[in-house]
């Protein structure tokens, strides 16, 4: 029987693992640099946690199972509910604002296609306990810094943002019932993702009143400037939007960002500023998405606390980086500092001692298990991308720079005391 990886998952051979680590290391560096602390949660939770956030229908979109004790569990399809659970458990002991990040392995019962897999890694940045639109802008800044660190530019990637609070205010001004708003927002989220006629049909079903439909389309087509008669709710949302835009300008990332009323985010728990990050031509799925979710912790059994954040998956990002030629040919830590070679058969034990000493000193060193002629060992050193060869001859070590070909003989004790000269 021939075994293979499950559809929608990936094997990470060393070459792929280097790329994965390059991406996740950048995420971690940027997170720490911006004052975020790392957390993690179990790989599975009670299914009720996800149903409380997204409704019973979520069980069809994740991997759920019943354990031997009859408990309904689910493998993480996202980590935000776990974050909310953890914060709620110690909410009075945690200093605010809470700035946390995580890079979990996520599993979803998806139909695999380009940019969408059943298993992937997702970088999550969240700020909890801060109401200011500056917190939303800081999350965007962190996302932009990571993209910039990975070599992308503002000409290649755009953060498209809008305000669900503003859209909700416009709907209210159009006399749309409160109970209709979540369904309409879900429809508006599909505007750029389905053909125009299909969108219009969905909108007609969600908003039977023709006058209200015209008002909604007028708002979308005006790029958010036509809000009708300003209500206190609309004025408050516009004020938050202006503060968000000012913060992004002061953060120096305004050129990365573009206001787009078509960005709604399909998940019902978003309450304010929302955004999605795409390649500039929007030829792919979103690289990342997020926004403000001030009601989630309360909905999951905690107090009402302001919260904002985003998630960035590694799948679409990896495709984009590859297509833009941003993935390095060599990675930090990939190269050996030394490949240790025995010049003749009597030096095998000396080679082992040299290798151990170099590794103990924090240097990357390796050797050949198989006794081979000097020339073949030098070829292996080059194949392993070693920077130098250390050729052991009795009480002497010949250090050869494999890039320049220059070499120097050094007493073995002197070499071990200071290998890099």
Protein backbone atom coordinates (compact mmCIF):
# COMPACT_ATOMS: atom_id res chain seq x y z
CA UNK A 1 0.00 0.00 0.00
CA UNK A 2 1.33 3.40 -0.98
CA UNK A 3 0.76 6.20 1.53
CA UNK A 4 0.63 9.91 0.75
CA UNK A 5 -0.22 13.14 2.56
CA UNK A 6 -3.90 13.93 3.06
CA UNK A 7 -5.34 16.21 0.38
CA UNK A 8 -5.07 19.84 1.39
CA UNK A 9 -2.03 19.33 3.65
CA UNK A 10 1.69 19.78 2.97
CA UNK A 11 4.90 17.88 3.61
CA UNK A 12 7.70 20.24 4.61
CA UNK A 13 10.92 18.82 3.17
CA UNK A 14 14.03 20.78 4.25
CA UNK A 15 13.83 23.26 1.34
CA UNK A 16 10.17 24.02 2.11
CA UNK A 17 10.89 24.10 5.83
CA UNK A 18 13.51 26.80 5.30
CA UNK A 19 10.91 28.97 3.54
CA UNK A 20 8.34 28.32 6.26
CA UNK A 21 10.82 29.26 8.99
CA UNK A 22 11.90 32.35 7.05
CA UNK A 23 8.29 33.56 7.02
CA UNK A 24 7.42 32.64 10.61
CA UNK A 25 10.72 34.03 11.92
CA UNK A 26 9.90 37.37 10.26
CA UNK A 27 6.43 37.31 11.83
CA UNK A 28 7.93 36.65 15.26
CA UNK A 29 10.65 39.33 14.93
CA UNK A 30 8.14 41.97 13.88
CA UNK A 31 5.71 41.00 16.65
CA UNK A 32 8.33 41.28 19.38
CA UNK A 33 9.73 44.50 17.92
CA UNK A 34 6.29 46.07 18.14
CA UNK A 35 5.75 45.12 21.77
CA UNK A 36 3.60 41.99 21.38
CA UNK A 37 4.00 38.92 23.60
CA UNK A 38 3.63 35.36 22.31
CA UNK A 39 0.94 32.98 23.54
CA UNK A 40 -0.44 29.63 22.42
CA UNK A 41 -3.42 27.37 23.12
CA UNK A 42 -4.30 23.67 22.81
CA UNK A 43 -4.64 22.28 19.28
CA UNK A 44 -8.29 21.41 20.01
CA UNK A 45 -11.10 23.05 21.99
CA UNK A 46 -14.67 22.26 22.93
CA UNK A 47 -16.82 22.57 19.81
CA UNK A 48 -19.23 24.76 21.82
CA UNK A 49 -16.60 27.52 21.90
CA UNK A 50 -16.63 27.88 18.10
CA UNK A 51 -20.39 27.48 17.88
CA UNK A 52 -20.84 30.27 20.44
CA UNK A 53 -18.75 32.55 18.20
CA UNK A 54 -20.01 31.59 14.74
CA UNK A 55 -23.22 29.55 15.17
CA UNK A 56 -23.97 25.80 14.82
CA UNK A 57 -23.25 25.86 11.07
CA UNK A 58 -19.53 26.32 11.83
CA UNK A 59 -19.31 22.58 12.62
CA UNK A 60 -19.49 21.88 8.87
CA UNK A 61 -16.41 24.04 8.27
CA UNK A 62 -14.02 22.46 10.75
CA UNK A 63 -12.73 19.07 11.88
CA UNK A 64 -14.90 18.02 14.82
CA UNK A 65 -14.96 14.75 16.73
CA UNK A 66 -16.34 13.17 19.88
CA UNK A 67 -13.73 11.80 22.26
CA UNK A 68 -13.98 8.63 24.37
CA UNK A 69 -15.65 10.60 27.14
CA UNK A 70 -18.41 11.79 24.83
CA UNK A 71 -17.08 15.36 24.66
CA UNK A 72 -17.62 17.29 21.40
CA UNK A 73 -14.24 18.71 20.39
CA UNK A 74 -12.80 20.50 17.36
CA UNK A 75 -9.31 21.07 15.97
CA UNK A 76 -8.57 24.80 15.83
CA UNK A 77 -10.04 26.46 12.70
CA UNK A 78 -8.79 29.78 14.13
CA UNK A 79 -7.30 30.90 17.42
CA UNK A 80 -9.33 34.04 18.22
CA UNK A 81 -11.97 32.14 20.27
CA UNK A 82 -9.15 30.50 22.26
CA UNK A 83 -7.62 33.94 22.82
CA UNK A 84 -10.95 35.24 24.10
CA UNK A 85 -11.33 32.22 26.40
CA UNK A 86 -7.84 32.68 27.81
CA UNK A 87 -8.26 36.41 28.38
CA UNK A 88 -11.68 35.92 29.98
CA UNK A 89 -10.16 33.39 32.40
CA UNK A 90 -7.67 35.94 33.78
CA UNK A 91 -9.21 39.21 32.69
CA UNK A 92 -8.71 41.03 36.01
CA UNK A 93 -5.07 39.98 36.34
CA UNK A 94 -3.88 41.00 32.88
CA UNK A 95 -2.49 44.54 32.45
CA UNK A 96 -4.05 46.45 29.58
CA UNK A 97 -3.74 46.91 26.75
CA UNK A 98 -3.09 43.22 26.14
CA UNK A 99 -0.84 42.92 23.09
CA UNK A 100 -0.45 39.26 22.13
CA UNK A 101 0.56 37.28 19.06
CA UNK A 102 0.50 33.63 18.07
CA UNK A 103 1.47 31.46 15.10
CA UNK A 104 -0.70 28.33 15.41
CA UNK A 105 -1.24 25.46 12.98
CA UNK A 106 -4.85 25.81 11.80
CA UNK A 107 -7.15 23.17 10.24
CA UNK A 108 -10.34 23.80 8.28
CA UNK A 109 -12.58 21.43 6.32
CA UNK A 110 -12.00 23.35 3.10
CA UNK A 111 -12.24 22.34 -0.53
CA UNK A 112 -8.52 22.63 -1.40
CA UNK A 113 -7.64 25.07 -4.19
CA UNK A 114 -4.93 27.62 -4.96
CA UNK A 115 -4.34 29.69 -1.86
CA UNK A 116 -6.68 27.60 0.30
CA UNK A 117 -5.65 24.43 2.12
CA UNK A 118 -7.08 22.34 4.94
CA UNK A 119 -4.02 22.90 7.12
CA UNK A 120 -1.89 26.04 7.32
CA UNK A 121 -0.08 28.40 9.66
CA UNK A 122 -1.65 31.70 10.65
CA UNK A 123 -0.01 34.69 12.30
CA UNK A 124 -2.40 36.40 14.71
CA UNK A 125 -1.92 39.88 16.15
CA UNK A 126 -4.40 41.21 18.71
CA UNK A 127 -4.74 44.24 20.98
CA UNK A 128 -7.34 43.87 23.75
CA UNK A 129 -8.51 46.62 26.09
CA UNK A 130 -7.86 49.64 23.86
CA UNK A 131 -10.74 51.51 22.18
CA UNK A 132 -8.66 54.02 20.22
CA UNK A 133 -8.59 53.70 16.40
CA UNK A 134 -4.84 54.03 16.88
CA UNK A 135 -4.85 50.41 18.03
CA UNK A 136 -6.47 49.36 14.74
CA UNK A 137 -3.83 51.36 12.88
CA UNK A 138 -1.03 49.78 14.90
CA UNK A 139 -2.24 46.32 13.90
CA UNK A 140 -2.11 47.41 10.25
CA UNK A 141 1.37 48.84 10.85
CA UNK A 142 2.56 45.48 12.21
CA UNK A 143 1.17 43.66 9.16
CA UNK A 144 2.84 46.13 6.81
CA UNK A 145 6.16 45.85 8.64
CA UNK A 146 6.13 42.08 8.21
CA UNK A 147 5.34 42.34 4.49
CA UNK A 148 8.08 44.93 4.11
CA UNK A 149 10.53 42.72 6.03
CA UNK A 150 9.76 39.89 3.60
CA UNK A 151 10.64 42.14 0.67
CA UNK A 152 7.22 43.32 -0.55
CA UNK A 153 6.49 46.96 -1.39
CA UNK A 154 3.46 49.27 -1.39
CA UNK A 155 3.32 48.88 -5.17
CA UNK A 156 2.87 45.11 -4.78
CA UNK A 157 0.48 44.91 -1.82
CA UNK A 158 -2.46 47.03 -0.64
CA UNK A 159 -4.33 47.18 2.65
CA UNK A 160 -7.98 47.83 1.71
CA UNK A 161 -10.05 49.11 4.62
CA UNK A 162 -13.49 50.41 5.54
CA UNK A 163 -15.80 50.71 8.54
CA UNK A 164 -18.55 48.24 9.35
CA UNK A 165 -19.87 50.72 11.89
CA UNK A 166 -20.29 53.31 9.12
CA UNK A 167 -22.00 50.82 6.81
CA UNK A 168 -24.32 49.78 9.66
CA UNK A 169 -25.16 53.45 10.30
CA UNK A 170 -26.01 53.95 6.62
CA UNK A 171 -28.26 50.86 6.68
CA UNK A 172 -30.01 52.16 9.78
CA UNK A 173 -30.58 55.54 8.10
CA UNK A 174 -32.17 53.67 5.19
CA UNK A 175 -34.67 52.16 7.65
CA UNK A 176 -33.16 48.68 7.42
CA UNK A 177 -34.18 46.58 10.42
CA UNK A 178 -31.52 45.76 13.01
CA UNK A 179 -32.06 42.03 12.50
CA UNK A 180 -31.36 42.39 8.76
CA UNK A 181 -27.98 44.09 9.15
CA UNK A 182 -25.76 40.97 9.64
CA UNK A 183 -27.29 39.25 6.60
CA UNK A 184 -26.88 42.37 4.44
CA UNK A 185 -23.26 42.81 5.54
CA UNK A 186 -22.60 39.19 4.58
CA UNK A 187 -24.04 39.89 1.11
CA UNK A 188 -22.03 43.12 0.69
CA UNK A 189 -18.88 41.16 1.53
CA UNK A 190 -19.44 39.11 -1.64
CA UNK A 191 -19.70 42.07 -4.03
CA UNK A 192 -16.17 41.75 -5.37
CA UNK A 193 -16.20 37.94 -5.20
CA UNK A 194 -19.20 37.01 -7.38
CA UNK A 195 -20.56 38.17 -10.77
CA UNK A 196 -22.55 41.42 -10.71
CA UNK A 197 -25.90 39.76 -11.50
CA UNK A 198 -25.38 37.17 -8.77
CA UNK A 199 -24.60 39.95 -6.27
CA UNK A 200 -27.65 41.97 -7.33
CA UNK A 201 -29.84 38.91 -6.90
CA UNK A 202 -28.49 38.27 -3.39
CA UNK A 203 -28.99 41.93 -2.51
CA UNK A 204 -32.59 41.86 -3.75
CA UNK A 205 -33.29 38.86 -1.54
CA UNK A 206 -31.65 40.47 1.50
CA UNK A 207 -33.15 43.94 0.91
CA UNK A 208 -36.61 43.73 -0.71
CA UNK A 209 -37.12 47.50 -0.49
CA UNK A 210 -35.90 49.06 -3.76
CA UNK A 211 -35.29 52.49 -2.24
CA UNK A 212 -33.05 50.98 0.44
CA UNK A 213 -31.16 48.96 -2.19
CA UNK A 214 -30.52 52.11 -4.21
CA UNK A 215 -29.25 53.87 -1.12
CA UNK A 216 -26.88 51.02 -0.33
CA UNK A 217 -25.48 50.95 -3.87
CA UNK A 218 -25.21 54.75 -3.86
CA UNK A 219 -23.12 54.58 -0.69
CA UNK A 220 -20.86 51.84 -2.10
CA UNK A 221 -20.39 53.58 -5.45
CA UNK A 222 -19.66 56.93 -3.78
CA UNK A 223 -16.67 55.29 -2.07
CA UNK A 224 -18.29 56.01 1.27
CA UNK A 225 -18.85 59.74 0.89
CA UNK A 226 -22.65 59.56 0.47
CA UNK A 227 -23.93 58.62 3.92
CA UNK A 228 -27.27 60.35 3.52
CA UNK A 229 -28.45 62.43 6.45
CA UNK A 230 -25.65 62.14 9.03
CA UNK A 231 -26.81 60.40 12.19
CA UNK A 232 -24.93 60.41 15.52
CA UNK A 233 -23.92 56.80 14.74
CA UNK A 234 -22.60 57.78 11.29
CA UNK A 235 -20.76 60.82 12.67
CA UNK A 236 -19.10 58.70 15.33
CA UNK A 237 -18.02 56.11 12.73
CA UNK A 238 -16.68 58.85 10.42
CA UNK A 239 -14.73 60.32 13.35
CA UNK A 240 -13.16 56.92 14.10
CA UNK A 241 -12.32 56.49 10.43
CA UNK A 242 -10.59 59.89 10.35
CA UNK A 243 -8.56 59.02 13.47
CA UNK A 244 -7.58 55.69 11.91
CA UNK A 245 -6.46 57.41 8.70
CA UNK A 246 -4.48 60.03 10.65
CA UNK A 247 -2.72 57.32 12.68
CA UNK A 248 -1.76 55.42 9.51
CA UNK A 249 -0.35 58.63 8.05
CA UNK A 250 1.70 59.27 11.20
CA UNK A 251 2.87 55.64 11.17
CA UNK A 252 4.15 56.29 7.64
CA UNK A 253 2.08 53.59 5.95
CA UNK A 254 -0.62 55.65 4.19
CA UNK A 255 0.82 54.69 0.80
CA UNK A 256 0.17 51.02 1.61
CA UNK A 257 -3.51 51.63 2.37
CA UNK A 258 -6.63 52.33 0.33
CA UNK A 259 -10.18 53.07 1.46
CA UNK A 260 -12.62 50.58 -0.09
CA UNK A 261 -16.29 50.36 0.91
CA UNK A 262 -16.38 46.88 -0.64
CA UNK A 263 -14.36 45.52 2.28
CA UNK A 264 -16.91 44.33 4.82
CA UNK A 265 -15.49 41.08 6.25
CA UNK A 266 -18.01 38.26 6.30
CA UNK A 267 -17.73 37.34 9.98
CA UNK A 268 -20.54 38.86 12.04
CA UNK A 269 -18.44 39.67 15.11
CA UNK A 270 -16.62 42.64 13.52
CA UNK A 271 -17.85 45.98 14.88
CA UNK A 272 -15.72 48.82 13.49
CA UNK A 273 -12.69 49.33 11.26
CA UNK A 274 -12.11 46.29 9.02
CA UNK A 275 -9.45 45.57 6.42
CA UNK A 276 -8.11 42.98 4.03
CA UNK A 277 -4.65 42.78 2.47
CA UNK A 278 -4.36 41.80 -1.19
CA UNK A 279 -1.75 41.74 -3.91
CA UNK A 280 -2.06 45.06 -5.74
CA UNK A 281 -3.96 43.56 -8.68
CA UNK A 282 -6.23 41.45 -6.42
CA UNK A 283 -5.41 38.41 -8.54
CA UNK A 284 -5.27 36.19 -5.44
CA UNK A 285 -7.23 35.58 -2.29
CA UNK A 286 -6.58 37.93 0.62
CA UNK A 287 -3.16 37.63 2.26
CA UNK A 288 -4.60 38.79 5.59
CA UNK A 289 -7.74 40.21 7.12
CA UNK A 290 -8.94 41.65 10.38
CA UNK A 291 -10.53 44.51 12.24
CA UNK A 292 -12.25 45.56 15.44
CA UNK A 293 -14.33 43.02 17.37
CA UNK A 294 -15.49 44.75 20.56
CA UNK A 295 -18.27 42.27 21.42
CA UNK A 296 -16.54 38.90 21.09
CA UNK A 297 -15.17 38.48 24.61
CA UNK A 298 -18.57 39.33 26.06
CA UNK A 299 -20.28 36.88 23.69
CA UNK A 300 -17.96 34.14 24.96
CA UNK A 301 -18.79 34.69 28.62
CA UNK A 302 -16.52 37.57 29.62
CA UNK A 303 -16.95 41.28 30.19
CA UNK A 304 -17.37 43.75 27.34
CA UNK A 305 -13.82 44.71 26.32
CA UNK A 306 -12.57 46.51 23.22
CA UNK A 307 -10.50 44.30 20.92
CA UNK A 308 -8.90 44.47 17.49
CA UNK A 309 -6.55 42.30 15.45
CA UNK A 310 -5.83 40.36 12.28
CA UNK A 311 -4.83 36.97 10.95
CA UNK A 312 -2.31 36.35 8.13
CA UNK A 313 -1.99 32.88 6.61
CA UNK A 314 1.21 31.46 5.16
CA UNK A 315 -0.35 29.87 2.04
CA UNK A 316 -1.36 32.90 -0.06
CA UNK A 317 1.59 34.85 1.32
CA UNK A 318 3.98 32.10 0.22
CA UNK A 319 2.50 32.05 -3.29
CA UNK A 320 2.76 35.84 -3.55
CA UNK A 321 6.38 35.90 -2.33
CA UNK A 322 7.31 33.19 -4.81
CA UNK A 323 5.59 34.90 -7.75
CA UNK A 324 7.28 38.21 -6.89
CA UNK A 325 10.70 36.55 -6.64
CA UNK A 326 11.15 37.50 -2.98
CA UNK A 327 12.14 34.11 -1.56
CA UNK A 328 15.92 34.00 -0.99
CA UNK A 329 18.08 31.36 -2.62
CA UNK A 330 19.93 30.94 0.67
CA UNK A 331 18.65 31.41 4.21
CA UNK A 332 20.32 32.41 7.49
CA UNK A 333 21.53 29.32 9.31
CA UNK A 334 21.52 27.20 6.18
CA UNK A 335 25.30 27.33 5.71
CA UNK A 336 27.94 25.54 7.76
CA UNK A 337 30.74 27.55 9.34
CA UNK A 338 33.11 24.60 8.92
CA UNK A 339 33.19 21.24 7.19
CA UNK A 340 35.89 19.24 8.98
CA UNK A 341 38.00 16.92 6.84
CA UNK A 342 40.54 14.25 7.71
CA UNK A 343 43.61 14.53 5.47
CA UNK A 344 44.44 10.86 5.94
CA UNK A 345 43.00 7.72 7.53
CA UNK A 346 44.63 8.25 10.92
CA UNK A 347 42.78 11.48 11.70
CA UNK A 348 39.19 10.23 12.16
CA UNK A 349 39.14 10.59 15.98
CA UNK A 350 40.81 14.01 15.74
CA UNK A 351 38.08 15.11 13.32
CA UNK A 352 35.38 14.09 15.81
CA UNK A 353 37.11 16.06 18.58
CA UNK A 354 37.40 19.15 16.34
CA UNK A 355 33.75 18.94 15.28
CA UNK A 356 32.58 18.64 18.90
CA UNK A 357 34.73 21.58 19.99
CA UNK A 358 33.43 23.80 17.17
CA UNK A 359 29.81 22.93 17.93
CA UNK A 360 30.35 23.52 21.64
CA UNK A 361 31.66 26.96 20.71
CA UNK A 362 28.43 27.79 18.90
CA UNK A 363 29.67 27.22 15.34
CA UNK A 364 27.88 25.09 12.73
CA UNK A 365 30.19 22.20 11.85
CA UNK A 366 29.80 18.84 10.16
CA UNK A 367 31.89 16.03 8.67
CA UNK A 368 31.66 12.95 6.47
CA UNK A 369 30.94 9.60 8.10
CA UNK A 370 32.47 7.83 5.12
CA UNK A 371 36.24 7.95 4.70
CA UNK A 372 36.89 9.56 1.31
CA UNK A 373 39.80 11.13 -0.56
CA UNK A 374 40.47 14.79 0.26
CA UNK A 375 39.07 16.02 -3.07
CA UNK A 376 35.72 14.27 -2.56
CA UNK A 377 35.41 15.66 0.95
CA UNK A 378 36.05 19.17 -0.38
CA UNK A 379 33.29 18.63 -2.95
CA UNK A 380 30.94 17.59 -0.17
CA UNK A 381 31.89 20.70 1.79
CA UNK A 382 30.91 22.84 -1.21
CA UNK A 383 27.70 20.87 -1.71
CA UNK A 384 26.82 21.51 1.94
CA UNK A 385 27.39 25.26 1.39
CA UNK A 386 30.14 25.37 4.02
CA UNK A 387 31.99 28.66 4.35
CA UNK A 388 35.31 27.01 5.26
CA UNK A 389 36.96 23.62 5.30
CA UNK A 390 39.04 22.61 8.34
CA UNK A 391 41.50 19.97 7.13
CA UNK A 392 43.06 18.04 10.04
CA UNK A 393 46.66 16.89 9.58
CA UNK A 394 48.22 15.60 12.82
CA UNK A 395 48.58 18.62 15.13
CA UNK A 396 47.83 21.07 12.33
CA UNK A 397 44.54 22.35 10.90
CA UNK A 398 44.48 23.85 7.43
CA UNK A 399 41.64 26.40 7.24
CA UNK A 400 40.49 26.89 3.66
CA UNK A 401 38.08 29.64 2.65
CA UNK A 402 35.87 27.85 0.13
CA UNK A 403 34.82 31.05 -1.63
CA UNK A 404 38.27 32.56 -2.26
CA UNK A 405 40.36 29.38 -2.10
CA UNK A 406 42.79 31.01 0.34
CA UNK A 407 44.10 28.77 3.10
CA UNK A 408 46.29 28.98 6.18
CA UNK A 409 47.90 26.35 8.45
CA UNK A 410 47.28 26.71 12.20
CA UNK A 411 48.27 24.60 15.24
CA UNK A 412 45.23 22.58 16.30
CA UNK A 413 45.20 23.98 19.87
CA UNK A 414 45.32 27.54 18.58
CA UNK A 415 42.55 26.78 16.06
CA UNK A 416 40.25 25.29 18.70
CA UNK A 417 40.85 28.27 21.03
CA UNK A 418 39.92 30.74 18.27
CA UNK A 419 38.50 28.98 15.18
CA UNK A 420 37.69 32.16 13.26
CA UNK A 421 41.21 33.50 13.62
